[in-house]
Amino acid sequence: MLVEVLSPSTEEYDRGEKLEHYRQLASLRHHVLVAVDAPRVEVRTRGDAGWTIAVGTDAETVELSALPARIDVHALYQAAAEPTA
């Protein structure tokens, strides 16, 4: 699994050329893109039939079937917004 936080200045590259490089990694099963401007998580999953994309927004969860695990999008963004000690 590979997780990236999207930056406005690099998002186009992250979704394009960089993604194509990652797809060459035979062991990669999940590529997770986390938006910074809105509660949105994209999970790209490699399966027997190729790659699929699942998108989760504020009140949703997205599955990581190869682990197995799930991401609660609201909880992720809430935790990121909380100040640290």
Foldseek 3Di string as FASTA:
>chain_A
DAEDEDDPVCNVVVPPVVVVVVVVPPPDAWYWYAYDPFLKIWIWGQDPVGIDIDMDHQQDKAADPVVGDIGGSNVVVVVVPDDDD
